[in-house]
Amino acid sequence: MEFIVSKEHKTAINPKRNENFPEWYQQVIKEADMAENSPVRGCMVIKPWGYTLWENVQKELDNKFKQTGHVNAYFPLFIPLHLMEKEAKHVKGFAKECAVVTHHRLEADKKEVLKPAGKLEEPLVIRPTSETIIGEMFSKWIQSYRDLPLLINQWANIVRWEMRTRLFLRTTEFLWQEGHTAHQTEKEAWEETLTILNIYKDFAENYMAIPVLTGEKTENERFPGAVKTLCIEAMMQDRKALQSGTSHFLGQNFAKASNIQFQDRKGNLSYVWTTSWGVSTRLIGGMIMVHGDDNGMCLPPRLAPTQVVVLPIIKEESDKEKVLSYCNEVVGKLRNQQYSGNNIRVYLDTRDRNAGEKSWEWTKKGVPVILEIGPRDIKNDNVFVARRDRSRKERYSQKKDVLIDEITDVLESIQAALFDRARSFREDNTREIDDYNSFKQYFTSDKKDTSGIFGGFALSYWCGSQECENKINDELGVTIRCIPLDIKISSKGKCILCGKISTQKVVFARAY
């Protein structure tokens, strides 16, 4: 194996992460050609590279859901207002974000100006989430204990009228999956809530290569209408938290609102126990902010739309046939290799463009492995290898057959390296803090710093009162991300704000 050390210090993204993180994030999306803003305010067009990444997320998660007995269905985009009104607490939580349809057609006036016409007898809410419409259907489908458990998932779009939007992270319309289940007992519903939480954790860590904390949300942060909300929380490179998935134990609240009852084995009528859970396209935003660098996106191999790109280096027309023949041989052998249960996804880039430009393009897209092959490489039976998880200075030559035999190990090494790097970053930026002055200092930025990078995760005691939680949020813009399930607290301490004795430490952070 021959290592080539390059003197190239150029980076693809301007500004750099530590100069202006929000703008860096937007530029990574642009340079990776993942998405762009649409003509509709707050909405995005997901371009093929970004959408293929979402399809891979969808495929892997869908398989995990089906392995645990869930089946897919689809429910209407429009929800009659009277169904929303059945669950007042739930609706109140989404009311300001609801888009409402009040007319069913357009008509042109004498000046050919289109105006809404045909007012609906009842307004239709464009779904901000589907508990109410699905609850209505469950009440018809469930009659007996024999109909339970009912384990339903749907892949859909959601509309929430957001005031401040950012591609993938928070848009007016976004894509997601939402699971909805009904059970005979409280125990079964709680076990379902935990099962999904563990699926999300496994997917985040083993596919997205993002370490996450699991925990319970406080009442302030709980899903409207839920008894308990569990979550996975990840740290981004600006040290903010991203809520990356939620699993809600709804108790019997929605069952009573929608009158979902079943006849038990003794012939008595009982309300079912329900759950709901979901993740969205914000997972893509999370992967960008955890793994991206100053050269663009850096994709975990298990989800990358293309895992290996082969670039023919053709400087003379007389070399073209020989180089392409060799490249096709390499591509064919790579495609026969298995990685993570699938054939390796390989692309041979034969576009009539400068090889250096193509290399930068695929680097910015985050392809895990780029192979360059020219006449000199063929002469030595080599390929020139660039791993996306490493600096461009660390590209190296390797024997073709060795690379083909080891490509699975290379991809898995990249997957592991991304996870380890993200975990180390989180550990380096997590503090146990026991006094409020230190807490404030930790979360107070230098006003001269435009990057927005400061703070991190703080593990601190909390007395459980909303008053303390709200005061900290009002003063510092810091919220309790979760009451962690991963961290066992064996001692008592004083609440970080009021000083009352507490037995629970929680995770504080700024968040998206």
Protein backbone atom coordinates (compact mmCIF):
# COMPACT_ATOMS: atom_id res chain seq x y z
CA MET A 1 0.00 0.00 0.00
CA GLU A 2 1.51 3.31 -1.06
CA PHE A 3 0.36 6.49 0.71
CA ILE A 4 0.38 9.76 -1.20
CA VAL A 5 0.64 12.89 0.93
CA SER A 6 -0.89 15.89 -0.80
CA LYS A 7 0.00 19.50 -0.07
CA GLU A 8 -3.55 20.54 -0.96
CA HIS A 9 -5.14 22.63 1.81
CA LYS A 10 -8.19 23.75 -0.13
CA THR A 11 -11.62 23.12 1.35
CA ALA A 12 -14.90 23.03 -0.51
CA ILE A 13 -17.24 24.83 1.91
CA ASN A 14 -17.16 28.52 2.71
CA PRO A 15 -17.62 29.54 5.49
CA LYS A 16 -16.06 26.83 7.63
CA ARG A 17 -17.90 25.15 10.50
CA ASN A 18 -16.13 27.08 13.23
CA GLU A 19 -16.74 30.40 11.48
CA ASN A 20 -20.49 30.34 10.91
CA PHE A 21 -22.16 27.01 11.61
CA PRO A 22 -25.68 27.85 10.35
CA GLU A 23 -24.37 29.14 7.03
CA TRP A 24 -21.93 26.22 6.77
CA TYR A 25 -24.90 23.86 7.15
CA GLN A 26 -26.80 25.54 4.31
CA GLN A 27 -23.74 25.46 2.07
CA VAL A 28 -23.15 21.74 2.68
CA ILE A 29 -26.71 21.01 1.52
CA LYS A 30 -26.22 23.19 -1.55
CA GLU A 31 -22.81 21.79 -2.51
CA ALA A 32 -23.98 18.19 -1.93
CA ASP A 33 -27.00 18.94 -4.16
CA MET A 34 -29.37 17.47 -1.58
CA ALA A 35 -32.24 19.97 -1.45
CA GLU A 36 -33.23 23.56 -2.11
CA ASN A 37 -35.94 25.99 -1.11
CA SER A 38 -39.16 25.79 -3.11
CA PRO A 39 -41.35 28.68 -4.34
CA VAL A 40 -43.66 27.91 -1.39
CA ARG A 41 -42.40 29.65 1.72
CA GLY A 42 -40.83 27.26 4.21
CA CYS A 43 -41.03 24.20 1.95
CA MET A 44 -38.17 22.34 0.30
CA VAL A 45 -37.53 20.40 -2.86
CA ILE A 46 -35.62 17.24 -1.96
CA LYS A 47 -33.30 16.51 -4.87
CA PRO A 48 -32.36 12.97 -6.00
CA TRP A 49 -29.24 12.64 -3.82
CA GLY A 50 -31.09 13.74 -0.69
CA TYR A 51 -34.20 11.74 -1.53
CA THR A 52 -32.23 8.53 -2.17
CA LEU A 53 -30.69 8.99 1.27
CA TRP A 54 -34.22 9.29 2.70
CA GLU A 55 -35.29 6.17 0.77
CA ASN A 56 -32.42 4.24 2.39
CA VAL A 57 -33.49 5.49 5.82
CA GLN A 58 -37.05 4.48 5.00
CA LYS A 59 -36.07 1.02 3.74
CA GLU A 60 -34.01 0.11 6.79
CA LEU A 61 -36.52 1.43 9.32
CA ASP A 62 -39.47 -0.10 7.49
CA ASN A 63 -37.78 -3.48 7.66
CA LYS A 64 -37.23 -3.10 11.41
CA PHE A 65 -40.88 -2.15 11.96
CA LYS A 66 -42.11 -5.14 9.97
CA GLN A 67 -39.79 -7.49 11.85
CA THR A 68 -41.59 -6.43 15.04
CA GLY A 69 -45.06 -7.10 13.63
CA HIS A 70 -46.06 -3.68 12.31
CA VAL A 71 -47.80 -3.21 8.96
CA ASN A 72 -48.11 -0.15 6.74
CA ALA A 73 -51.32 1.70 5.92
CA TYR A 74 -52.21 5.16 4.67
CA PHE A 75 -54.61 7.74 6.08
CA PRO A 76 -55.99 10.98 4.58
CA LEU A 77 -54.04 14.22 4.44
CA PHE A 78 -57.21 16.12 5.42
CA ILE A 79 -58.70 15.84 8.91
CA PRO A 80 -62.22 17.18 9.58
CA LEU A 81 -62.15 19.85 12.25
CA HIS A 82 -64.64 18.01 14.49
CA LEU A 83 -62.19 15.11 14.84
CA MET A 84 -59.44 17.46 15.96
CA GLU A 85 -61.79 18.97 18.53
CA LYS A 86 -62.27 15.60 20.24
CA GLU A 87 -58.82 15.80 21.83
CA ALA A 88 -58.60 19.37 23.11
CA LYS A 89 -55.19 19.14 24.82
CA HIS A 90 -53.64 17.54 21.75
CA VAL A 91 -55.07 20.13 19.36
CA LYS A 92 -54.01 23.02 21.58
CA GLY A 93 -50.41 21.86 21.23
CA PHE A 94 -50.55 22.13 17.43
CA ALA A 95 -53.18 24.86 16.90
CA LYS A 96 -50.77 27.64 15.91
CA GLU A 97 -49.08 25.38 13.35
CA CYS A 98 -52.22 24.07 11.63
CA ALA A 99 -52.95 24.87 8.00
CA VAL A 100 -56.71 24.86 7.33
CA VAL A 101 -58.62 24.36 4.06
CA THR A 102 -61.87 26.34 3.95
CA HIS A 103 -62.76 26.27 0.21
CA HIS A 104 -62.92 23.49 -2.35
CA ARG A 105 -62.28 25.30 -5.62
CA LEU A 106 -60.98 28.41 -7.40
CA GLU A 107 -62.98 30.70 -9.66
CA ALA A 108 -61.81 33.44 -12.02
CA ASP A 109 -63.46 36.86 -11.91
CA LYS A 110 -63.98 39.11 -14.93
CA LYS A 111 -60.33 40.17 -14.79
CA GLU A 112 -59.23 36.50 -14.77
CA VAL A 113 -58.07 36.77 -11.19
CA LEU A 114 -58.41 33.47 -9.34
CA LYS A 115 -60.17 33.55 -5.98
CA PRO A 116 -61.28 30.84 -3.53
CA ALA A 117 -64.88 29.73 -3.96
CA GLY A 118 -67.15 26.97 -2.76
CA LYS A 119 -66.82 27.35 1.00
CA LEU A 120 -66.69 24.01 2.81
CA GLU A 121 -69.40 23.19 5.32
CA GLU A 122 -66.65 22.09 7.71
CA PRO A 123 -63.01 23.21 7.58
CA LEU A 124 -60.37 20.55 6.91
CA VAL A 125 -57.08 20.59 8.79
CA ILE A 126 -54.02 19.47 6.83
CA ARG A 127 -52.51 16.86 9.13
CA PRO A 128 -49.92 18.13 11.62
CA THR A 129 -49.96 14.52 12.93
CA SER A 130 -52.59 11.81 12.57
CA GLU A 131 -53.70 10.65 16.03
CA THR A 132 -57.23 11.98 15.61
CA ILE A 133 -58.02 10.57 12.16
CA ILE A 134 -56.37 7.24 12.95
CA GLY A 135 -58.21 7.08 16.27
CA GLU A 136 -61.48 7.50 14.37
CA MET A 137 -60.62 4.53 12.17
CA PHE A 138 -59.38 2.41 15.07
CA SER A 139 -62.76 2.90 16.78
CA LYS A 140 -64.36 1.16 13.78
CA TRP A 141 -61.75 -1.56 13.35
CA ILE A 142 -61.46 -2.64 16.98
CA GLN A 143 -64.39 -4.50 18.54
CA SER A 144 -62.88 -7.43 20.44
CA TYR A 145 -59.69 -8.44 22.23
CA ARG A 146 -59.12 -10.63 19.16
CA ASP A 147 -58.50 -7.45 17.14
CA LEU A 148 -55.58 -6.49 19.38
CA PRO A 149 -52.80 -5.57 19.28
CA LEU A 150 -53.24 -3.36 16.23
CA LEU A 151 -49.81 -2.26 15.00
CA ILE A 152 -49.98 0.32 12.20
CA ASN A 153 -47.36 2.54 10.58
CA GLN A 154 -47.63 5.04 7.76
CA TRP A 155 -45.06 6.88 5.64
CA ALA A 156 -46.49 10.29 4.86
CA ASN A 157 -46.02 14.03 4.60
CA ILE A 158 -46.92 16.45 7.38
CA VAL A 159 -47.70 20.18 7.35
CA ARG A 160 -46.88 22.43 10.29
CA TRP A 161 -46.93 26.16 9.62
CA GLU A 162 -43.48 26.99 10.95
CA MET A 163 -42.37 30.61 11.29
CA ARG A 164 -38.64 29.91 11.13
CA THR A 165 -37.60 27.18 8.74
CA ARG A 166 -34.33 25.47 7.85
CA LEU A 167 -33.85 22.76 5.23
CA PHE A 168 -34.41 19.26 6.64
CA LEU A 169 -34.47 20.45 10.25
CA ARG A 170 -37.73 22.37 10.33
CA THR A 171 -39.85 22.96 7.24
CA THR A 172 -43.52 23.72 6.70
CA GLU A 173 -43.97 20.39 4.94
CA PHE A 174 -41.78 17.40 5.73
CA LEU A 175 -41.70 13.64 5.29
CA TRP A 176 -41.89 11.18 8.15
CA GLN A 177 -43.20 7.90 9.44
CA GLU A 178 -45.75 7.78 12.21
CA GLY A 179 -46.64 4.60 14.04
CA HIS A 180 -49.94 4.15 15.86
CA THR A 181 -50.75 1.11 17.96
CA ALA A 182 -53.56 -0.12 20.21
CA HIS A 183 -53.24 -2.71 23.00
CA GLN A 184 -55.32 -4.58 25.58
CA THR A 185 -53.23 -3.56 28.59
CA GLU A 186 -51.16 -0.72 29.93
CA LYS A 187 -48.16 -3.06 30.21
CA GLU A 188 -48.33 -4.04 26.53
CA ALA A 189 -48.57 -0.41 25.41
CA TRP A 190 -45.62 0.61 27.58
CA GLU A 191 -43.53 -2.28 26.24
CA GLU A 192 -44.38 -1.12 22.70
CA THR A 193 -43.21 2.41 23.58
CA LEU A 194 -39.87 1.03 24.77
CA THR A 195 -39.53 -1.34 21.80
CA ILE A 196 -39.78 1.54 19.34
CA LEU A 197 -37.39 3.69 21.38
CA ASN A 198 -34.81 0.90 21.15
CA ILE A 199 -35.38 0.54 17.39
CA TYR A 200 -34.71 4.24 16.98
CA LYS A 201 -31.57 4.06 19.14
CA ASP A 202 -30.28 1.04 17.22
CA PHE A 203 -30.93 2.73 13.88
CA ALA A 204 -29.32 6.03 14.91
CA GLU A 205 -26.18 4.38 16.23
CA ASN A 206 -25.71 1.44 13.84
CA TYR A 207 -26.90 3.01 10.58
CA MET A 208 -26.62 6.78 10.99
CA ALA A 209 -23.43 6.37 13.09
CA ILE A 210 -24.81 8.91 15.57
CA PRO A 211 -24.58 8.20 19.31
CA VAL A 212 -27.79 9.10 21.12
CA LEU A 213 -29.07 9.42 24.65
CA THR A 214 -32.43 7.84 25.44
CA GLY A 215 -34.70 9.43 28.00
CA GLU A 216 -38.07 10.77 29.00
CA LYS A 217 -39.31 14.25 28.22
CA THR A 218 -40.47 16.57 30.98
CA GLU A 219 -44.10 17.64 31.09
CA ASN A 220 -43.16 20.89 29.35
CA GLU A 221 -41.60 19.01 26.44
CA ARG A 222 -44.08 16.13 26.28
CA PHE A 223 -46.12 15.39 23.16
CA PRO A 224 -49.56 17.05 23.52
CA GLY A 225 -52.00 14.55 25.01
CA ALA A 226 -49.38 11.93 25.90
CA VAL A 227 -48.88 10.39 29.33
CA LYS A 228 -45.16 9.95 28.69
CA THR A 229 -42.85 10.84 25.82
CA LEU A 230 -39.57 8.99 25.32
CA CYS A 231 -36.90 10.30 22.97
CA ILE A 232 -33.46 9.94 21.48
CA GLU A 233 -31.24 13.03 21.66
CA ALA A 234 -28.06 13.61 19.64
CA MET A 235 -25.34 16.24 19.86
CA MET A 236 -24.53 18.23 16.73
CA GLN A 237 -21.10 19.73 15.97
CA ASP A 238 -22.27 23.13 17.22
CA ARG A 239 -22.95 21.32 20.52
CA LYS A 240 -26.70 21.81 20.28
CA ALA A 241 -29.08 18.91 20.80
CA LEU A 242 -31.30 17.49 18.09
CA GLN A 243 -34.38 15.54 19.11
CA SER A 244 -34.05 12.74 16.60
CA GLY A 245 -37.01 10.49 17.37
CA THR A 246 -39.90 10.23 19.83
CA SER A 247 -42.03 7.38 21.16
CA HIS A 248 -45.20 8.33 23.03
CA PHE A 249 -47.15 6.36 25.60
CA LEU A 250 -50.65 7.81 25.20
CA GLY A 251 -52.36 5.82 27.93
CA GLN A 252 -56.12 5.82 27.31
CA ASN A 253 -56.41 9.55 26.55
CA PHE A 254 -56.88 9.21 22.80
CA ALA A 255 -58.90 6.00 23.18
CA LYS A 256 -61.46 7.83 25.34
CA ALA A 257 -61.53 10.84 23.01
CA SER A 258 -62.14 8.61 19.96
CA ASN A 259 -64.20 5.99 21.85
CA ILE A 260 -61.89 3.08 20.95
CA GLN A 261 -63.28 0.22 23.03
CA PHE A 262 -63.02 -3.55 22.90
CA GLN A 263 -64.83 -6.46 24.49
CA ASP A 264 -62.42 -8.37 26.73
CA ARG A 265 -62.37 -12.11 27.39
CA LYS A 266 -64.98 -11.71 30.13
CA GLY A 267 -67.33 -9.79 27.86
CA ASN A 268 -66.67 -6.39 29.46
CA LEU A 269 -66.05 -3.22 27.44
CA SER A 270 -62.69 -1.56 28.02
CA TYR A 271 -60.78 1.28 26.42
CA VAL A 272 -57.62 0.32 24.56
CA TRP A 273 -54.16 1.62 25.48
CA THR A 274 -52.40 3.42 22.62
CA THR A 275 -48.99 4.60 21.48
CA SER A 276 -47.66 6.77 18.69
CA TRP A 277 -44.10 7.34 17.50
CA GLY A 278 -42.16 8.89 14.62
CA VAL A 279 -39.00 10.12 12.94
CA SER A 280 -38.71 12.49 10.00
CA THR A 281 -36.44 13.93 7.32
CA ARG A 282 -34.73 15.89 10.10
CA LEU A 283 -32.60 12.73 10.47
CA ILE A 284 -30.85 13.86 7.29
CA GLY A 285 -30.16 17.24 8.86
CA GLY A 286 -28.74 15.40 11.85
CA MET A 287 -26.35 13.37 9.69
CA ILE A 288 -25.13 16.55 8.02
CA MET A 289 -24.51 18.34 11.32
CA VAL A 290 -22.85 15.37 13.03
CA HIS A 291 -20.63 14.04 10.23
CA GLY A 292 -20.14 16.91 7.77
CA ASP A 293 -16.83 18.77 7.55
CA ASP A 294 -15.35 21.70 5.66
CA ASN A 295 -15.35 19.64 2.45
CA GLY A 296 -19.08 18.93 2.64
CA MET A 297 -21.20 15.96 3.54
CA CYS A 298 -19.70 12.77 4.99
CA LEU A 299 -22.12 9.87 4.71
CA PRO A 300 -22.25 6.72 6.85
CA PRO A 301 -21.69 3.85 4.38
CA ARG A 302 -24.76 1.85 5.46
CA LEU A 303 -27.06 4.64 4.26
CA ALA A 304 -25.02 6.31 1.50
CA PRO A 305 -26.89 6.38 -1.85
CA THR A 306 -23.59 5.40 -3.50
CA GLN A 307 -20.92 3.72 -1.41
CA VAL A 308 -18.10 3.64 -3.95
CA VAL A 309 -17.47 5.90 -6.95
CA VAL A 310 -14.97 4.90 -9.63
CA LEU A 311 -13.37 7.73 -11.60
CA PRO A 312 -11.56 6.86 -14.86
CA ILE A 313 -8.54 9.12 -15.42
CA ILE A 314 -8.22 9.54 -19.20
CA LYS A 315 -5.74 12.11 -20.42
CA GLU A 316 -5.17 10.67 -23.91
CA GLU A 317 -7.88 9.33 -26.22
CA SER A 318 -5.67 6.30 -26.90
CA ASP A 319 -5.97 5.31 -23.23
CA LYS A 320 -9.78 5.49 -23.09
CA GLU A 321 -10.68 1.92 -24.05
CA LYS A 322 -8.06 0.34 -21.80
CA VAL A 323 -8.97 2.51 -18.79
CA LEU A 324 -12.74 2.02 -19.14
CA SER A 325 -12.31 -1.74 -19.57
CA TYR A 326 -10.26 -1.91 -16.39
CA CYS A 327 -12.73 0.31 -14.51
CA ASN A 328 -15.69 -1.83 -15.60
CA GLU A 329 -13.89 -4.91 -14.33
CA VAL A 330 -13.39 -3.23 -10.94
CA VAL A 331 -17.02 -2.05 -10.80
CA GLY A 332 -18.35 -5.52 -11.65
CA LYS A 333 -16.30 -7.20 -8.93
CA LEU A 334 -17.22 -4.56 -6.35
CA ARG A 335 -20.94 -4.95 -7.11
CA ASN A 336 -20.69 -8.65 -6.35
CA GLN A 337 -19.45 -7.90 -2.83
CA GLN A 338 -21.97 -7.80 0.02
CA TYR A 339 -22.08 -5.09 2.66
CA SER A 340 -24.72 -4.76 5.36
CA GLY A 341 -26.96 -7.33 3.67
CA ASN A 342 -26.91 -5.73 0.20
CA ASN A 343 -24.71 -5.61 -2.88
CA ILE A 344 -22.31 -2.70 -2.67
CA ARG A 345 -23.69 0.40 -4.40
CA VAL A 346 -21.07 1.42 -6.99
CA TYR A 347 -21.16 4.17 -9.63
CA LEU A 348 -18.79 4.47 -12.60
CA ASP A 349 -18.54 8.17 -13.44
CA THR A 350 -17.82 8.38 -17.19
CA ARG A 351 -19.08 11.96 -17.63
CA ASP A 352 -16.98 14.12 -19.91
CA ARG A 353 -15.71 16.37 -17.17
CA ASN A 354 -12.39 17.14 -15.52
CA ALA A 355 -11.41 14.35 -13.12
CA GLY A 356 -10.49 16.81 -10.38
CA GLU A 357 -13.91 18.47 -10.59
CA LYS A 358 -15.64 15.11 -10.40
CA SER A 359 -13.55 14.10 -7.40
CA TRP A 360 -14.51 17.27 -5.54
CA GLU A 361 -18.16 16.80 -6.46
CA TRP A 362 -18.31 13.31 -4.97
CA THR A 363 -16.30 14.46 -1.96
CA LYS A 364 -18.89 17.17 -1.27
CA LYS A 365 -21.69 14.62 -1.65
CA GLY A 366 -20.04 12.52 1.03
CA VAL A 367 -19.45 9.28 -0.87
CA PRO A 368 -17.53 6.97 1.52
CA VAL A 369 -14.92 5.73 -1.00
CA ILE A 370 -13.66 7.32 -4.22
CA LEU A 371 -11.40 5.26 -6.51
CA GLU A 372 -9.34 6.90 -9.27
CA ILE A 373 -7.92 4.70 -12.01
CA GLY A 374 -5.58 5.85 -14.77
CA PRO A 375 -2.95 4.30 -17.07
CA ARG A 376 -0.24 4.41 -14.40
CA ASP A 377 -2.54 2.61 -11.90
CA ILE A 378 -3.39 -0.04 -14.50
CA LYS A 379 0.28 -0.61 -15.24
CA ASN A 380 0.85 -1.43 -11.55
CA ASP A 381 -2.53 -3.19 -11.18
CA ASN A 382 -3.46 -0.55 -8.60
CA VAL A 383 -6.34 1.71 -7.70
CA PHE A 384 -5.98 5.12 -6.05
CA VAL A 385 -8.18 5.29 -2.92
CA ALA A 386 -9.71 8.22 -1.04
CA ARG A 387 -11.68 7.52 2.15
CA ARG A 388 -14.20 10.25 2.94
CA ASP A 389 -13.69 9.91 6.71
CA ARG A 390 -10.04 10.88 6.30
CA SER A 391 -8.23 13.96 5.05
CA ARG A 392 -7.67 14.25 1.31
CA LYS A 393 -3.98 14.26 2.23
CA GLU A 394 -4.28 10.60 3.21
CA ARG A 395 -5.22 9.14 -0.18
CA TYR A 396 -3.31 5.99 -1.08
CA SER A 397 -2.60 3.44 -3.81
CA GLN A 398 -3.53 -0.19 -3.28
CA LYS A 399 -3.50 -3.37 -5.33
CA LYS A 400 -6.81 -3.80 -7.14
CA ASP A 401 -7.54 -7.31 -5.91
CA VAL A 402 -6.64 -6.42 -2.32
CA LEU A 403 -9.01 -3.44 -2.40
CA ILE A 404 -11.83 -5.55 -3.85
CA ASP A 405 -11.32 -8.25 -1.24
CA GLU A 406 -11.18 -5.71 1.59
CA ILE A 407 -13.83 -3.22 0.45
CA THR A 408 -16.41 -4.50 2.95
CA ASP A 409 -13.89 -4.03 5.77
CA VAL A 410 -13.05 -0.55 4.48
CA LEU A 411 -16.71 0.50 4.48
CA GLU A 412 -17.29 -0.92 7.94
CA SER A 413 -14.15 0.83 9.16
CA ILE A 414 -15.54 4.15 7.90
CA GLN A 415 -18.92 3.45 9.53
CA ALA A 416 -17.21 2.72 12.86
CA ALA A 417 -14.85 5.69 12.58
CA LEU A 418 -17.74 8.12 12.07
CA PHE A 419 -19.56 6.75 15.11
CA ASP A 420 -16.45 6.79 17.31
CA ARG A 421 -15.63 10.34 16.28
CA ALA A 422 -19.16 11.54 17.05
CA ARG A 423 -19.20 9.72 20.40
CA SER A 424 -15.84 11.20 21.40
CA PHE A 425 -17.08 14.66 20.46
CA ARG A 426 -20.18 14.23 22.62
CA GLU A 427 -18.14 12.94 25.56
CA ASP A 428 -15.67 15.83 25.24
CA ASN A 429 -18.55 18.31 25.34
CA THR A 430 -20.61 16.86 28.18
CA ARG A 431 -20.14 18.21 31.70
CA GLU A 432 -21.52 17.36 35.12
CA ILE A 433 -22.29 20.76 36.64
CA ASP A 434 -23.51 21.31 40.19
CA ASP A 435 -23.65 25.11 40.67
CA TYR A 436 -25.62 27.66 38.70
CA ASN A 437 -22.77 30.13 38.14
CA SER A 438 -20.74 27.44 36.38
CA PHE A 439 -23.88 26.38 34.54
CA LYS A 440 -24.48 29.92 33.23
CA GLN A 441 -20.87 30.31 32.22
CA TYR A 442 -21.01 27.01 30.31
CA PHE A 443 -24.02 28.15 28.28
CA THR A 444 -23.03 31.79 27.75
CA SER A 445 -21.42 32.57 24.41
CA ASP A 446 -18.72 35.07 23.64
CA LYS A 447 -20.65 37.81 21.82
CA LYS A 448 -17.69 38.29 19.50
CA ASP A 449 -18.02 34.67 18.36
CA THR A 450 -20.27 34.48 15.27
CA SER A 451 -20.07 30.70 14.91
CA GLY A 452 -22.80 30.00 17.46
CA ILE A 453 -20.65 27.21 18.90
CA PHE A 454 -20.55 27.06 22.70
CA GLY A 455 -21.87 24.98 25.57
CA GLY A 456 -22.82 21.36 25.06
CA PHE A 457 -24.65 18.86 27.26
CA ALA A 458 -24.85 19.57 30.98
CA LEU A 459 -25.78 16.82 33.43
CA SER A 460 -27.28 18.54 36.45
CA TYR A 461 -29.71 17.84 39.25
CA TRP A 462 -33.25 19.15 38.79
CA CYS A 463 -35.96 19.30 41.42
CA GLY A 464 -38.76 18.42 39.00
CA SER A 465 -40.54 21.80 39.08
CA GLN A 466 -41.70 23.56 35.93
CA GLU A 467 -40.82 26.86 37.60
CA CYS A 468 -37.10 26.04 37.68
CA GLU A 469 -37.24 24.55 34.18
CA ASN A 470 -38.92 27.67 32.78
CA LYS A 471 -36.59 30.11 34.54
CA ILE A 472 -33.51 28.40 33.09
CA ASN A 473 -35.05 28.41 29.62
CA ASP A 474 -36.06 32.09 29.89
CA GLU A 475 -32.63 33.19 31.10
CA LEU A 476 -30.34 31.04 28.99
CA GLY A 477 -32.42 29.52 26.17
CA VAL A 478 -31.53 26.10 27.56
CA THR A 479 -34.07 23.28 27.87
CA ILE A 480 -34.16 19.90 29.54
CA ARG A 481 -33.60 17.54 26.64
CA CYS A 482 -34.45 14.41 28.60
CA ILE A 483 -34.46 12.64 31.92
CA PRO A 484 -31.91 10.03 30.81
CA LEU A 485 -32.58 6.32 30.82
CA ASP A 486 -28.95 5.53 29.97
CA ILE A 487 -27.46 7.14 33.08
CA LYS A 488 -28.10 5.71 36.54
CA ILE A 489 -28.07 8.20 39.43
CA SER A 490 -26.99 6.60 42.68
CA SER A 491 -26.77 9.69 44.89
CA LYS A 492 -28.65 12.85 45.80
CA GLY A 493 -27.78 16.41 44.92
CA LYS A 494 -29.12 19.95 44.83
CA CYS A 495 -31.27 21.31 42.03
CA ILE A 496 -29.05 23.40 39.78
CA LEU A 497 -31.30 26.46 40.24
CA CYS A 498 -33.27 26.36 43.49
CA GLY A 499 -31.03 24.09 45.58
CA LYS A 500 -33.73 21.64 46.63
CA ILE A 501 -32.60 18.05 47.17
CA SER A 502 -33.07 15.90 44.05
CA THR A 503 -32.37 12.31 43.06
CA GLN A 504 -32.51 12.89 39.30
CA LYS A 505 -29.97 14.35 36.95
CA VAL A 506 -31.22 15.58 33.60
CA VAL A 507 -29.61 16.61 30.33
CA PHE A 508 -29.67 20.36 29.69
CA ALA A 509 -28.75 21.83 26.29
CA ARG A 510 -29.64 24.35 23.66
CA ALA A 511 -31.57 22.60 20.93
CA TYR A 512 -32.94 22.77 17.41
